[in-house]
């Protein structure tokens, strides 16, 4: 039991603390440099997939048209994935008055991947930017997003989506952004921000059903021998998902599609062929998805060893984390709204969602039809 306790605890600690520390030191001592041409401004196609986004679309189109980039180098394609509200008519009315906008309509629901695939097929420019309706981009964010492509080794660049919340989702989002920045210094990010990222058009994969497009773009880029980076200067903001139950469903859907992506590109876990990226992919994805099993191992062994020191001491802070999560989930006054309680609740929710995703993945469930989360 002692071996189970310490090995499981070490798995949790390495995944959430050791890996970020390793990246920080690695990037500081052995960084991979970029060769950039700051004057390069490539022509860009922005693809915006939408489904029933009548409410958010006006602000999003205003946001895209206000981006600080030469108008003659910008094409914006709105792809409606079977929208049944006024999304298409609203988008078309804006396109009639601005030559940068084009509207494509898919007759039925095909999923986000099919919408992106249709957009890529109509893209005229060498750099393709993918974005969602739920994120508002900073006006000067497009130039820094595409600037790294002046280095021929770069094939994909992720922006940074800042979640405007101080709770669990906001903290978790900032943690992920920190990891991406460090991974960029070492080699390549493991996953892009699905709400805002760019790729060379020639490297865009076939967006197959059941795999998250943003993860697929990164893995495909690295598999072809290019780097995928995160760019802190390319920022956008979005609200947290409104309800915890919706966030849970979104997490499970994203995780299952992520697992399918890593499984499809499992060859990248071989260090003899993919080098340092294998460690990044294993640590950031495989070990992260193993944390629920580590937590179960810690809980079982801690309870079994509760009569011994130091396990009896460790049992109390261990139990306190789960108690705070329950308090927050129950929305109890005062304590439930504190930041530690909300962070604990989100941590537990994330790991329960990983277990649910494992069940769906093993059983062959691959959700593809995509409904944007209400934020």
Protein backbone atom coordinates (compact mmCIF):
# COMPACT_ATOMS: atom_id res chain seq x y z
CA UNK A 1 0.00 0.00 0.00
CA UNK A 2 2.84 2.40 0.69
CA UNK A 3 4.23 1.85 -2.79
CA UNK A 4 0.78 2.52 -4.26
CA UNK A 5 0.40 5.71 -2.22
CA UNK A 6 3.74 7.25 -3.11
CA UNK A 7 3.77 6.21 -6.77
CA UNK A 8 0.22 7.55 -7.26
CA UNK A 9 1.00 10.78 -5.40
CA UNK A 10 4.16 11.21 -7.45
CA UNK A 11 2.09 10.81 -10.63
CA UNK A 12 -0.22 13.65 -9.58
CA UNK A 13 2.63 15.90 -8.43
CA UNK A 14 4.71 15.39 -11.58
CA UNK A 15 1.75 15.98 -13.88
CA UNK A 16 0.62 19.25 -12.32
CA UNK A 17 3.84 20.63 -10.80
CA UNK A 18 6.88 18.67 -11.94
CA UNK A 19 6.13 18.89 -15.65
CA UNK A 20 5.64 22.69 -15.64
CA UNK A 21 8.85 23.05 -13.61
CA UNK A 22 10.77 20.83 -16.03
CA UNK A 23 9.49 22.86 -18.99
CA UNK A 24 10.46 26.14 -17.35
CA UNK A 25 14.04 25.03 -16.70
CA UNK A 26 14.37 23.28 -20.06
CA UNK A 27 13.17 26.33 -21.96
CA UNK A 28 15.49 28.58 -19.98
CA UNK A 29 18.61 26.48 -20.52
CA UNK A 30 17.98 24.98 -23.98
CA UNK A 31 15.46 27.18 -25.82
CA UNK A 32 14.67 26.72 -29.50
CA UNK A 33 14.95 30.06 -31.26
CA UNK A 34 12.90 31.49 -34.10
CA UNK A 35 14.10 33.33 -37.17
CA UNK A 36 11.46 36.02 -37.73
CA UNK A 37 10.88 38.67 -40.39
CA UNK A 38 8.93 41.36 -38.54
CA UNK A 39 7.94 43.05 -41.82
CA UNK A 40 6.28 39.97 -43.26
CA UNK A 41 2.47 40.29 -43.55
CA UNK A 42 1.09 37.21 -45.32
CA UNK A 43 -2.38 37.14 -46.80
CA UNK A 44 -4.81 35.48 -44.40
CA UNK A 45 -8.12 33.63 -44.61
CA UNK A 46 -10.18 33.60 -41.40
CA UNK A 47 -12.70 30.76 -41.07
CA UNK A 48 -15.58 31.16 -38.62
CA UNK A 49 -17.79 28.05 -38.19
CA UNK A 50 -21.20 28.84 -36.68
CA UNK A 51 -24.36 27.04 -35.64
CA UNK A 52 -27.33 29.14 -34.50
CA UNK A 53 -25.13 32.07 -33.46
CA UNK A 54 -27.64 34.83 -34.27
CA UNK A 55 -27.11 36.34 -30.82
CA UNK A 56 -23.29 36.42 -30.86
CA UNK A 57 -22.62 36.91 -34.57
CA UNK A 58 -23.05 40.72 -34.87
CA UNK A 59 -20.42 41.42 -32.20
CA UNK A 60 -18.12 38.76 -33.64
CA UNK A 61 -18.30 40.16 -37.16
CA UNK A 62 -17.70 43.68 -35.86
CA UNK A 63 -14.69 42.29 -34.03
CA UNK A 64 -13.25 40.54 -37.10
CA UNK A 65 -13.74 43.53 -39.37
CA UNK A 66 -12.00 45.77 -36.84
CA UNK A 67 -8.81 43.68 -36.78
CA UNK A 68 -5.74 45.77 -37.58
CA UNK A 69 -4.64 44.12 -40.81
CA UNK A 70 -4.52 45.23 -44.48
CA UNK A 71 -7.98 44.79 -45.98
CA UNK A 72 -6.60 43.55 -49.31
CA UNK A 73 -4.86 40.68 -47.52
CA UNK A 74 -7.88 39.45 -45.57
CA UNK A 75 -10.61 36.98 -46.49
CA UNK A 76 -13.25 36.07 -43.88
CA UNK A 77 -15.39 32.98 -44.49
CA UNK A 78 -18.44 32.31 -42.31
CA UNK A 79 -19.52 28.67 -42.54
CA UNK A 80 -22.99 27.88 -41.20
CA UNK A 81 -23.29 24.29 -40.00
CA UNK A 82 -27.00 23.73 -40.48
CA UNK A 83 -28.14 26.87 -38.66
CA UNK A 84 -31.93 27.11 -38.22
CA UNK A 85 -32.17 30.65 -36.82
CA UNK A 86 -31.31 33.95 -38.50
CA UNK A 87 -27.55 33.30 -38.59
CA UNK A 88 -27.23 32.92 -42.38
CA UNK A 89 -29.39 35.91 -43.32
CA UNK A 90 -27.57 38.09 -40.80
CA UNK A 91 -24.16 36.99 -42.09
CA UNK A 92 -25.20 37.46 -45.72
CA UNK A 93 -26.48 40.98 -45.10
CA UNK A 94 -23.08 41.91 -43.67
CA UNK A 95 -21.26 40.19 -46.55
CA UNK A 96 -23.28 42.21 -49.07
CA UNK A 97 -21.73 45.39 -47.67
CA UNK A 98 -18.14 44.21 -47.11
CA UNK A 99 -16.10 42.38 -49.76
CA UNK A 100 -13.93 40.71 -47.13
CA UNK A 101 -16.85 38.57 -45.95
CA UNK A 102 -18.10 35.40 -47.63
CA UNK A 103 -20.88 33.10 -46.43
CA UNK A 104 -21.06 29.35 -46.97
CA UNK A 105 -24.02 27.26 -45.85
CA UNK A 106 -24.04 23.53 -45.07
CA UNK A 107 -27.54 22.18 -45.59
CA UNK A 108 -27.52 19.84 -42.58
CA UNK A 109 -25.52 19.36 -39.40
CA UNK A 110 -22.15 17.91 -40.31
CA UNK A 111 -20.09 18.90 -37.29
CA UNK A 112 -17.38 21.45 -36.78
CA UNK A 113 -14.81 19.43 -38.71
CA UNK A 114 -16.90 19.45 -41.89
CA UNK A 115 -17.54 23.16 -41.54
CA UNK A 116 -13.81 23.85 -41.24
CA UNK A 117 -13.05 21.53 -44.15
CA UNK A 118 -15.47 23.43 -46.36
CA UNK A 119 -13.92 26.71 -45.31
CA UNK A 120 -10.38 25.51 -46.07
CA UNK A 121 -11.50 24.38 -49.53
CA UNK A 122 -12.59 27.96 -50.28
CA UNK A 123 -9.57 29.65 -48.69
CA UNK A 124 -7.52 31.73 -51.14
CA UNK A 125 -4.60 32.66 -48.91
CA UNK A 126 -1.57 30.71 -47.59
CA UNK A 127 -2.35 31.22 -43.87
CA UNK A 128 -5.67 30.03 -42.47
CA UNK A 129 -6.97 31.29 -39.13
CA UNK A 130 -9.69 29.38 -37.28
CA UNK A 131 -11.85 31.17 -34.73
CA UNK A 132 -15.17 30.74 -32.89
CA UNK A 133 -18.06 33.09 -32.30
CA UNK A 134 -17.62 33.04 -28.54
CA UNK A 135 -14.23 34.78 -28.42
CA UNK A 136 -13.62 38.51 -28.90
CA UNK A 137 -10.15 39.16 -30.29
CA UNK A 138 -7.97 42.11 -29.41
CA UNK A 139 -7.74 44.46 -32.45
CA UNK A 140 -3.98 44.01 -32.78
CA UNK A 141 -3.97 40.24 -32.26
CA UNK A 142 -3.80 39.05 -35.88
CA UNK A 143 -0.33 40.34 -36.73
CA UNK A 144 1.42 38.56 -33.84
CA UNK A 145 -0.57 35.39 -34.60
CA UNK A 146 0.74 35.14 -38.17
CA UNK A 147 4.21 36.65 -37.66
CA UNK A 148 5.87 33.34 -36.59
CA UNK A 149 5.09 31.89 -40.02
CA UNK A 150 7.99 33.94 -41.39
CA UNK A 151 10.12 31.18 -39.85
CA UNK A 152 9.82 28.24 -42.28
CA UNK A 153 9.96 25.70 -39.43
CA UNK A 154 6.62 26.92 -38.01
CA UNK A 155 3.44 25.29 -39.27
CA UNK A 156 0.81 26.14 -36.66
CA UNK A 157 0.37 29.00 -34.16
CA UNK A 158 -2.14 29.19 -31.32
CA UNK A 159 -3.54 32.37 -29.87
CA UNK A 160 -4.36 32.73 -26.19
CA UNK A 161 -7.96 32.67 -25.02
CA UNK A 162 -8.35 34.44 -21.69
CA UNK A 163 -11.40 33.24 -19.77
CA UNK A 164 -12.96 36.12 -17.89
CA UNK A 165 -13.57 34.34 -14.61
CA UNK A 166 -11.75 33.92 -11.31
CA UNK A 167 -13.13 30.46 -10.64
CA UNK A 168 -11.89 27.04 -11.63
CA UNK A 169 -12.22 27.38 -15.40
CA UNK A 170 -10.35 30.70 -15.39
CA UNK A 171 -7.49 29.34 -13.26
CA UNK A 172 -7.28 26.15 -15.30
CA UNK A 173 -7.19 28.19 -18.51
CA UNK A 174 -4.30 30.33 -17.25
CA UNK A 175 -2.43 27.20 -16.20
CA UNK A 176 -2.83 25.76 -19.70
CA UNK A 177 -1.58 28.99 -21.27
CA UNK A 178 1.52 28.87 -19.07
CA UNK A 179 2.22 25.30 -20.23
CA UNK A 180 1.83 26.27 -23.89
CA UNK A 181 4.25 29.16 -23.55
CA UNK A 182 6.86 26.89 -21.99
CA UNK A 183 6.28 24.10 -24.55
CA UNK A 184 6.78 26.63 -27.34
CA UNK A 185 10.21 27.50 -25.97
CA UNK A 186 11.19 23.82 -25.77
CA UNK A 187 9.74 22.52 -29.05
CA UNK A 188 6.01 22.58 -29.80
CA UNK A 189 2.71 22.95 -28.03
CA UNK A 190 0.64 19.80 -27.63
CA UNK A 191 -2.74 21.41 -28.32
CA UNK A 192 -3.94 24.74 -29.72
CA UNK A 193 -6.75 27.01 -28.61
CA UNK A 194 -9.71 25.83 -30.66
CA UNK A 195 -11.22 29.31 -30.52
CA UNK A 196 -8.25 31.07 -32.15
CA UNK A 197 -5.33 29.50 -34.00
CA UNK A 198 -3.62 29.62 -37.40
CA UNK A 199 -2.06 27.07 -39.74
CA UNK A 200 -0.35 27.00 -43.10
CA UNK A 201 -3.08 26.09 -45.58
CA UNK A 202 -0.85 23.47 -47.20
CA UNK A 203 -0.50 21.71 -43.82
CA UNK A 204 -4.19 21.69 -42.90
CA UNK A 205 -5.26 18.10 -42.25
CA UNK A 206 -8.46 16.43 -43.28
CA UNK A 207 -10.68 17.20 -40.29
CA UNK A 208 -11.92 13.67 -39.72
CA UNK A 209 -15.02 13.09 -37.55
CA UNK A 210 -14.46 12.31 -33.88
CA UNK A 211 -11.14 14.17 -33.44
CA UNK A 212 -10.81 17.70 -32.06
CA UNK A 213 -9.73 19.92 -35.00
CA UNK A 214 -7.35 22.06 -32.94
CA UNK A 215 -5.50 19.05 -31.56
CA UNK A 216 -5.53 17.38 -34.97
CA UNK A 217 -3.95 20.46 -36.54
CA UNK A 218 -1.11 20.45 -34.00
CA UNK A 219 -0.38 16.72 -34.19
CA UNK A 220 -0.53 16.76 -38.00
CA UNK A 221 1.84 19.73 -38.10
CA UNK A 222 4.40 18.07 -35.82
CA UNK A 223 4.05 14.76 -37.64
CA UNK A 224 5.06 16.54 -40.86
CA UNK A 225 8.20 17.90 -39.21
CA UNK A 226 7.05 21.45 -38.39
CA UNK A 227 6.66 23.23 -35.07
CA UNK A 228 3.44 24.38 -33.42
CA UNK A 229 3.72 27.40 -31.13
CA UNK A 230 1.70 29.55 -28.76
CA UNK A 231 1.79 33.33 -29.28
CA UNK A 232 1.12 35.46 -26.15
CA UNK A 233 0.56 38.57 -28.28
CA UNK A 234 -2.44 37.04 -30.05
CA UNK A 235 -5.08 37.36 -27.39
CA UNK A 236 -8.83 37.11 -27.14
CA UNK A 237 -11.28 36.96 -24.26
CA UNK A 238 -14.28 34.79 -23.59
CA UNK A 239 -16.72 34.21 -20.76
CA UNK A 240 -16.71 31.04 -18.68
CA UNK A 241 -19.34 28.42 -19.50
CA UNK A 242 -22.52 29.50 -17.77
CA UNK A 243 -23.47 26.26 -16.01
CA UNK A 244 -21.26 23.64 -14.38
CA UNK A 245 -23.26 20.84 -16.02
CA UNK A 246 -22.62 22.35 -19.46
CA UNK A 247 -18.91 22.66 -18.69
CA UNK A 248 -18.85 18.99 -17.67
CA UNK A 249 -20.45 17.92 -20.94
CA UNK A 250 -18.09 20.15 -22.92
CA UNK A 251 -15.11 18.69 -21.09
CA UNK A 252 -16.15 15.10 -21.72
CA UNK A 253 -16.76 15.79 -25.42
CA UNK A 254 -13.40 17.55 -25.80
CA UNK A 255 -11.53 14.84 -23.90
CA UNK A 256 -12.98 11.97 -25.91
CA UNK A 257 -12.05 13.70 -29.16
CA UNK A 258 -8.60 14.47 -27.76
CA UNK A 259 -8.04 10.83 -26.82
CA UNK A 260 -9.05 9.80 -30.32
CA UNK A 261 -6.54 12.28 -31.75
CA UNK A 262 -3.62 11.08 -29.67
CA UNK A 263 -4.51 7.47 -30.44
CA UNK A 264 -4.50 8.26 -34.17
CA UNK A 265 -1.06 9.88 -33.85
CA UNK A 266 0.31 7.53 -31.17
CA UNK A 267 3.49 7.19 -33.22
CA UNK A 268 4.42 10.65 -31.90
CA UNK A 269 4.82 9.07 -28.44
CA UNK A 270 7.91 7.28 -29.76
CA UNK A 271 10.97 9.38 -28.74
CA UNK A 272 13.14 7.69 -31.37
CA UNK A 273 11.02 9.20 -34.15
CA UNK A 274 9.55 12.39 -32.63
CA UNK A 275 12.34 13.30 -30.18
CA UNK A 276 11.51 15.67 -27.33
CA UNK A 277 7.92 16.08 -28.48
CA UNK A 278 7.22 12.52 -27.27
CA UNK A 279 7.90 13.60 -23.68
CA UNK A 280 5.70 16.68 -24.07
CA UNK A 281 2.80 14.70 -25.51
CA UNK A 282 3.11 11.95 -22.89
CA UNK A 283 3.34 14.37 -19.96
CA UNK A 284 0.70 16.87 -21.06
CA UNK A 285 -1.90 14.45 -22.41
CA UNK A 286 -1.36 10.81 -21.42
CA UNK A 287 -0.34 11.49 -17.83
CA UNK A 288 -2.98 14.21 -17.42
CA UNK A 289 -5.60 11.68 -18.50
CA UNK A 290 -4.13 9.22 -15.97
CA UNK A 291 -4.55 11.54 -12.97
CA UNK A 292 -8.02 10.20 -11.96
CA UNK A 293 -6.49 6.75 -11.56
CA UNK A 294 -3.61 8.22 -9.55
CA UNK A 295 -6.15 9.99 -7.31
CA UNK A 296 -8.06 6.77 -6.75
CA UNK A 297 -4.80 5.03 -5.85
CA UNK A 298 -3.90 7.80 -3.38
CA UNK A 299 -7.35 7.71 -1.76
CA UNK A 300 -7.48 3.93 -1.35
CA UNK A 301 -3.95 3.64 0.02
CA UNK A 302 -4.31 6.68 2.31
CA UNK A 303 -7.42 5.20 3.89
CA UNK A 304 -5.74 1.80 4.29
CA UNK A 305 -2.69 3.41 5.94
CA UNK A 306 -4.65 5.89 8.08
CA UNK A 307 -3.48 4.27 11.31
CA UNK A 308 0.19 5.04 10.58
CA UNK A 309 2.26 8.21 10.65
CA UNK A 310 2.65 10.20 8.39
CA UNK A 311 -0.39 8.87 6.52
CA UNK A 312 -2.74 9.83 9.35
CA UNK A 313 -1.48 13.42 9.06
CA UNK A 314 -1.82 13.43 5.27
CA UNK A 315 -5.38 12.15 5.45
CA UNK A 316 -6.73 15.44 6.80
CA UNK A 317 -5.55 17.82 4.04
CA UNK A 318 -6.43 15.10 1.54
CA UNK A 319 -10.00 14.94 2.84
CA UNK A 320 -10.19 18.75 3.06
CA UNK A 321 -9.72 19.11 -0.70
CA UNK A 322 -12.72 16.91 -1.44
CA UNK A 323 -14.75 18.55 1.32
CA UNK A 324 -14.15 21.98 -0.23
CA UNK A 325 -15.20 20.60 -3.62
CA UNK A 326 -18.46 19.27 -2.17
CA UNK A 327 -19.13 22.56 -0.40
CA UNK A 328 -18.64 24.49 -3.64
CA UNK A 329 -20.70 22.09 -5.75
CA UNK A 330 -23.51 22.34 -3.20
CA UNK A 331 -23.30 26.14 -3.49
CA UNK A 332 -23.22 26.54 0.27
CA UNK A 333 -23.08 30.22 1.35
CA UNK A 334 -19.75 31.92 2.12
CA UNK A 335 -17.43 28.88 2.00
CA UNK A 336 -18.75 27.58 -1.30
CA UNK A 337 -17.94 30.82 -3.10
CA UNK A 338 -14.32 31.07 -1.97
CA UNK A 339 -11.57 30.67 -4.56
CA UNK A 340 -10.02 27.54 -2.93
CA UNK A 341 -13.41 25.84 -2.84
CA UNK A 342 -14.20 26.71 -6.47
CA UNK A 343 -10.74 25.57 -7.57
CA UNK A 344 -11.17 22.27 -5.70
CA UNK A 345 -14.61 21.76 -7.27
CA UNK A 346 -13.24 22.39 -10.76
CA UNK A 347 -10.31 20.03 -10.13
CA UNK A 348 -12.68 17.26 -9.06
CA UNK A 349 -15.05 17.98 -11.96
CA UNK A 350 -12.20 17.83 -14.48
CA UNK A 351 -11.00 14.46 -13.21
CA UNK A 352 -14.49 12.99 -13.07
CA UNK A 353 -14.96 14.17 -16.65
CA UNK A 354 -11.74 12.38 -17.61
CA UNK A 355 -13.12 9.14 -16.17
CA UNK A 356 -16.36 9.65 -18.11
CA UNK A 357 -14.35 10.36 -21.26
CA UNK A 358 -12.30 7.18 -20.81
CA UNK A 359 -15.54 5.19 -20.62
CA UNK A 360 -16.84 6.76 -23.83
CA UNK A 361 -13.51 6.37 -25.61
CA UNK A 362 -13.10 2.70 -24.69
CA UNK A 363 -16.71 1.98 -25.67
CA UNK A 364 -16.16 3.61 -29.07
CA UNK A 365 -18.34 6.70 -28.56
CA UNK A 366 -16.96 9.54 -30.73
CA UNK A 367 -19.16 12.67 -30.50
CA UNK A 368 -18.91 14.82 -33.63
CA UNK A 369 -22.00 17.03 -33.84
CA UNK A 370 -20.97 20.20 -32.11
CA UNK A 371 -23.18 22.63 -30.23
CA UNK A 372 -21.33 25.77 -29.06
CA UNK A 373 -21.27 26.12 -25.27
CA UNK A 374 -23.29 28.97 -23.81
CA UNK A 375 -20.89 31.40 -22.16
